[in-house]
């Protein structure tokens, strides 16, 4: 029998995966709390402090810890350095200085930085979605009925 330890694969980093999953779960935990809390209930000083500390901690994890863990993983485990160049399949990304046709040099360090920006964009999008959802959670959407030429709503009888 072949035993494979999945946590020893080069693409698996326990610290990055754990921080990513925990941060996303903590951010999405706002939705069940918001559905349970009655809309328009006054917020006490203590609730405001706890909520602000919670949001600050989630944002600290999302924009500080998760990207840092990915950078550490890419540098240490994957060995993505500046001197390691990306050539791509069939040397499509081979730079002109190295005999290829691609106009500039792409290193693994640049790919790492692009992926860190993607992580930031994912969390910015999630935060904006959650902030907007929280602000609009009490609004009801009214279905507009078709009106007649007299301005009265048309209601079909079945």
C-alpha atoms as a PDB file:
ATOM      1  CA  UNK A   1       0.000   0.000   0.000  1.00  0.00           C
ATOM      2  CA  UNK A   2       1.282   3.449  -0.920  1.00  0.00           C
ATOM      3  CA  UNK A   3       1.041   5.937   1.895  1.00  0.00           C
ATOM      4  CA  UNK A   4       1.135   9.587   0.860  1.00  0.00           C
ATOM      5  CA  UNK A   5       1.428  12.310   3.438  1.00  0.00           C
ATOM      6  CA  UNK A   6      -0.589  15.101   1.837  1.00  0.00           C
ATOM      7  CA  UNK A   7       0.748  17.704   4.269  1.00  0.00           C
ATOM      8  CA  UNK A   8       4.313  17.130   3.007  1.00  0.00           C
ATOM      9  CA  UNK A   9       3.555  18.098  -0.594  1.00  0.00           C
ATOM     10  CA  UNK A  10       5.443  21.224  -1.705  1.00  0.00           C
ATOM     11  CA  UNK A  11       2.220  23.155  -2.404  1.00  0.00           C
ATOM     12  CA  UNK A  12       0.780  22.551   1.046  1.00  0.00           C
ATOM     13  CA  UNK A  13       1.650  24.910   3.879  1.00  0.00           C
ATOM     14  CA  UNK A  14      -0.283  24.350   7.078  1.00  0.00           C
ATOM     15  CA  UNK A  15       0.175  27.887   8.412  1.00  0.00           C
ATOM     16  CA  UNK A  16      -1.053  29.548   5.204  1.00  0.00           C
ATOM     17  CA  UNK A  17      -4.008  27.200   4.714  1.00  0.00           C
ATOM     18  CA  UNK A  18      -5.046  27.446   8.379  1.00  0.00           C
ATOM     19  CA  UNK A  19      -4.825  31.253   8.433  1.00  0.00           C
ATOM     20  CA  UNK A  20      -6.719  31.529   5.132  1.00  0.00           C
ATOM     21  CA  UNK A  21      -9.536  29.212   6.276  1.00  0.00           C
ATOM     22  CA  UNK A  22      -9.837  30.747   9.765  1.00  0.00           C
ATOM     23  CA  UNK A  23      -9.838  34.316   8.431  1.00  0.00           C
ATOM     24  CA  UNK A  24     -12.482  33.555   5.804  1.00  0.00           C
ATOM     25  CA  UNK A  25     -14.637  31.701   8.350  1.00  0.00           C
ATOM     26  CA  UNK A  26     -14.358  34.554  10.856  1.00  0.00           C
ATOM     27  CA  UNK A  27     -15.346  37.069   8.176  1.00  0.00           C
ATOM     28  CA  UNK A  28     -18.331  34.996   7.039  1.00  0.00           C
ATOM     29  CA  UNK A  29     -19.437  34.424  10.660  1.00  0.00           C
ATOM     30  CA  UNK A  30     -20.861  37.955  10.524  1.00  0.00           C
ATOM     31  CA  UNK A  31     -23.718  36.768   8.276  1.00  0.00           C
ATOM     32  CA  UNK A  32     -25.409  34.377  10.759  1.00  0.00           C
ATOM     33  CA  UNK A  33     -24.946  36.958  13.521  1.00  0.00           C
ATOM     34  CA  UNK A  34     -26.473  39.687  11.358  1.00  0.00           C
ATOM     35  CA  UNK A  35     -29.462  37.499  10.486  1.00  0.00           C
ATOM     36  CA  UNK A  36     -30.074  36.777  14.167  1.00  0.00           C
ATOM     37  CA  UNK A  37     -29.728  40.355  15.419  1.00  0.00           C
ATOM     38  CA  UNK A  38     -32.934  42.414  15.050  1.00  0.00           C
ATOM     39  CA  UNK A  39     -32.625  45.338  12.656  1.00  0.00           C
ATOM     40  CA  UNK A  40     -32.750  48.754  14.318  1.00  0.00           C
ATOM     41  CA  UNK A  41     -31.741  47.515  17.770  1.00  0.00           C
ATOM     42  CA  UNK A  42     -29.648  50.188  19.493  1.00  0.00           C
ATOM     43  CA  UNK A  43     -25.992  49.254  19.931  1.00  0.00           C
ATOM     44  CA  UNK A  44     -24.506  49.611  23.400  1.00  0.00           C
ATOM     45  CA  UNK A  45     -21.032  50.957  24.000  1.00  0.00           C
ATOM     46  CA  UNK A  46     -19.723  47.503  24.924  1.00  0.00           C
ATOM     47  CA  UNK A  47     -21.213  45.871  21.819  1.00  0.00           C
ATOM     48  CA  UNK A  48     -19.639  48.558  19.635  1.00  0.00           C
ATOM     49  CA  UNK A  49     -16.227  47.974  21.227  1.00  0.00           C
ATOM     50  CA  UNK A  50     -16.433  44.190  20.852  1.00  0.00           C
ATOM     51  CA  UNK A  51     -17.607  44.540  17.247  1.00  0.00           C
ATOM     52  CA  UNK A  52     -14.854  46.987  16.345  1.00  0.00           C
ATOM     53  CA  UNK A  53     -12.150  44.803  17.923  1.00  0.00           C
ATOM     54  CA  UNK A  54     -13.542  41.760  16.061  1.00  0.00           C
ATOM     55  CA  UNK A  55     -13.563  43.556  12.707  1.00  0.00           C
ATOM     56  CA  UNK A  56     -10.074  44.962  13.331  1.00  0.00           C
ATOM     57  CA  UNK A  57      -8.765  41.482  14.195  1.00  0.00           C
ATOM     58  CA  UNK A  58     -10.319  39.935  11.066  1.00  0.00           C
ATOM     59  CA  UNK A  59      -8.824  42.691   8.912  1.00  0.00           C
ATOM     60  CA  UNK A  60      -5.448  42.234  10.640  1.00  0.00           C
ATOM     61  CA  UNK A  61      -5.554  38.542   9.764  1.00  0.00           C
ATOM     62  CA  UNK A  62      -6.787  39.167   6.209  1.00  0.00           C
ATOM     63  CA  UNK A  63      -4.335  41.883   5.247  1.00  0.00           C
ATOM     64  CA  UNK A  64      -1.385  41.029   7.489  1.00  0.00           C
ATOM     65  CA  UNK A  65      -1.113  37.395   8.485  1.00  0.00           C
ATOM     66  CA  UNK A  66      -2.499  35.575   5.425  1.00  0.00           C
ATOM     67  CA  UNK A  67      -0.332  37.422   2.848  1.00  0.00           C
ATOM     68  CA  UNK A  68       2.712  37.067   5.113  1.00  0.00           C
ATOM     69  CA  UNK A  69       2.172  33.319   5.427  1.00  0.00           C
ATOM     70  CA  UNK A  70       1.909  33.008   1.650  1.00  0.00           C
ATOM     71  CA  UNK A  71       5.139  34.987   1.152  1.00  0.00           C
ATOM     72  CA  UNK A  72       6.946  32.791   3.694  1.00  0.00           C
ATOM     73  CA  UNK A  73       5.568  29.669   1.985  1.00  0.00           C
ATOM     74  CA  UNK A  74       6.609  30.843  -1.479  1.00  0.00           C
ATOM     75  CA  UNK A  75      10.095  31.848  -0.339  1.00  0.00           C
ATOM     76  CA  UNK A  76      10.941  28.940   1.950  1.00  0.00           C
ATOM     77  CA  UNK A  77       8.953  25.932   0.730  1.00  0.00           C
ATOM     78  CA  UNK A  78       8.595  26.625  -2.984  1.00  0.00           C
ATOM     79  CA  UNK A  79      11.908  28.454  -3.450  1.00  0.00           C
ATOM     80  CA  UNK A  80      10.441  31.304  -5.510  1.00  0.00           C
ATOM     81  CA  UNK A  81      13.395  33.678  -5.756  1.00  0.00           C
ATOM     82  CA  UNK A  82      14.349  36.533  -8.057  1.00  0.00           C
ATOM     83  CA  UNK A  83      16.939  34.453  -9.879  1.00  0.00           C
ATOM     84  CA  UNK A  84      14.420  31.697 -10.682  1.00  0.00           C
ATOM     85  CA  UNK A  85      12.813  32.684 -13.982  1.00  0.00           C
ATOM     86  CA  UNK A  86       9.494  31.566 -15.448  1.00  0.00           C
ATOM     87  CA  UNK A  87       9.755  30.192 -18.971  1.00  0.00           C
ATOM     88  CA  UNK A  88       6.275  28.662 -19.191  1.00  0.00           C
ATOM     89  CA  UNK A  89       5.214  25.753 -21.350  1.00  0.00           C
ATOM     90  CA  UNK A  90       7.208  25.425 -24.596  1.00  0.00           C
ATOM     91  CA  UNK A  91       9.346  28.408 -23.456  1.00  0.00           C
ATOM     92  CA  UNK A  92       6.552  30.877 -24.292  1.00  0.00           C
ATOM     93  CA  UNK A  93       7.656  33.273 -21.541  1.00  0.00           C
ATOM     94  CA  UNK A  94      11.384  33.021 -22.272  1.00  0.00           C
ATOM     95  CA  UNK A  95      12.789  36.551 -22.331  1.00  0.00           C
ATOM     96  CA  UNK A  96      14.560  38.096 -25.315  1.00  0.00           C
ATOM     97  CA  UNK A  97      17.864  38.328 -23.442  1.00  0.00           C
ATOM     98  CA  UNK A  98      17.753  34.559 -22.996  1.00  0.00           C
ATOM     99  CA  UNK A  99      16.958  33.835 -26.637  1.00  0.00           C
ATOM    100  CA  UNK A 100      13.156  33.864 -26.494  1.00  0.00           C
ATOM    101  CA  UNK A 101      10.474  36.194 -27.856  1.00  0.00           C
ATOM    102  CA  UNK A 102       8.858  37.493 -24.647  1.00  0.00           C
ATOM    103  CA  UNK A 103       9.575  41.237 -24.205  1.00  0.00           C
ATOM    104  CA  UNK A 104      10.478  41.153 -20.502  1.00  0.00           C
ATOM    105  CA  UNK A 105      11.799  38.842 -17.810  1.00  0.00           C
ATOM    106  CA  UNK A 106       9.326  37.243 -15.395  1.00  0.00           C
ATOM    107  CA  UNK A 107      10.641  35.757 -12.164  1.00  0.00           C
ATOM    108  CA  UNK A 108       8.904  33.596  -9.610  1.00  0.00           C
ATOM    109  CA  UNK A 109       9.264  36.432  -7.107  1.00  0.00           C
ATOM    110  CA  UNK A 110       7.087  38.613  -9.380  1.00  0.00           C
ATOM    111  CA  UNK A 111       4.519  35.795  -9.577  1.00  0.00           C
ATOM    112  CA  UNK A 112       4.562  35.585  -5.774  1.00  0.00           C
ATOM    113  CA  UNK A 113       3.906  39.309  -5.479  1.00  0.00           C
ATOM    114  CA  UNK A 114       1.058  39.144  -8.007  1.00  0.00           C
ATOM    115  CA  UNK A 115      -0.550  36.314  -6.032  1.00  0.00           C
ATOM    116  CA  UNK A 116      -0.239  38.367  -2.822  1.00  0.00           C
ATOM    117  CA  UNK A 117      -2.079  41.206  -4.570  1.00  0.00           C
ATOM    118  CA  UNK A 118      -4.774  38.706  -5.627  1.00  0.00           C
ATOM    119  CA  UNK A 119      -5.143  37.612  -1.990  1.00  0.00           C
ATOM    120  CA  UNK A 120      -5.579  41.270  -0.992  1.00  0.00           C
ATOM    121  CA  UNK A 121      -8.172  41.826  -3.734  1.00  0.00           C
ATOM    122  CA  UNK A 122     -10.129  38.746  -2.615  1.00  0.00           C
ATOM    123  CA  UNK A 123     -10.293  40.018   0.958  1.00  0.00           C
ATOM    124  CA  UNK A 124     -11.088  43.597  -0.090  1.00  0.00           C
ATOM    125  CA  UNK A 125     -13.984  42.267  -2.161  1.00  0.00           C
ATOM    126  CA  UNK A 126     -15.182  40.100   0.728  1.00  0.00           C
ATOM    127  CA  UNK A 127     -14.997  43.001   3.180  1.00  0.00           C
ATOM    128  CA  UNK A 128     -16.886  45.349   0.845  1.00  0.00           C
ATOM    129  CA  UNK A 129     -19.544  42.687   0.275  1.00  0.00           C
ATOM    130  CA  UNK A 130     -19.961  42.095   4.020  1.00  0.00           C
ATOM    131  CA  UNK A 131     -20.074  45.828   4.850  1.00  0.00           C
ATOM    132  CA  UNK A 132     -22.742  46.455   2.193  1.00  0.00           C
ATOM    133  CA  UNK A 133     -24.687  43.358   3.256  1.00  0.00           C
ATOM    134  CA  UNK A 134     -24.662  44.525   6.896  1.00  0.00           C
ATOM    135  CA  UNK A 135     -25.922  47.997   5.972  1.00  0.00           C
ATOM    136  CA  UNK A 136     -28.715  46.654   3.719  1.00  0.00           C
ATOM    137  CA  UNK A 137     -29.821  43.712   5.843  1.00  0.00           C
ATOM    138  CA  UNK A 138     -33.059  45.357   6.984  1.00  0.00           C
ATOM    139  CA  UNK A 139     -34.227  46.676   3.643  1.00  0.00           C
ATOM    140  CA  UNK A 140     -37.124  44.992   1.917  1.00  0.00           C
ATOM    141  CA  UNK A 141     -37.199  44.837  -1.848  1.00  0.00           C
ATOM    142  CA  UNK A 142     -40.602  45.786  -3.233  1.00  0.00           C
ATOM    143  CA  UNK A 143     -41.719  44.132  -6.411  1.00  0.00           C
ATOM    144  CA  UNK A 144     -43.059  46.843  -8.641  1.00  0.00           C
ATOM    145  CA  UNK A 145     -46.343  45.893 -10.197  1.00  0.00           C
ATOM    146  CA  UNK A 146     -47.243  46.829 -13.716  1.00  0.00           C
ATOM    147  CA  UNK A 147     -49.546  49.872 -13.795  1.00  0.00           C
ATOM    148  CA  UNK A 148     -52.444  50.653 -16.082  1.00  0.00           C
ATOM    149  CA  UNK A 149     -52.848  53.869 -18.040  1.00  0.00           C
ATOM    150  CA  UNK A 150     -54.763  55.220 -15.022  1.00  0.00           C
ATOM    151  CA  UNK A 151     -51.820  54.575 -12.674  1.00  0.00           C
ATOM    152  CA  UNK A 152     -53.407  51.655 -10.835  1.00  0.00           C
ATOM    153  CA  UNK A 153     -51.461  48.434 -10.336  1.00  0.00           C
ATOM    154  CA  UNK A 154     -52.459  45.559 -12.603  1.00  0.00           C
ATOM    155  CA  UNK A 155     -53.085  42.374 -10.680  1.00  0.00           C
ATOM    156  CA  UNK A 156     -53.862  39.169 -12.505  1.00  0.00           C
ATOM    157  CA  UNK A 157     -56.473  36.840 -11.158  1.00  0.00           C
ATOM    158  CA  UNK A 158     -55.922  33.155 -11.647  1.00  0.00           C
END
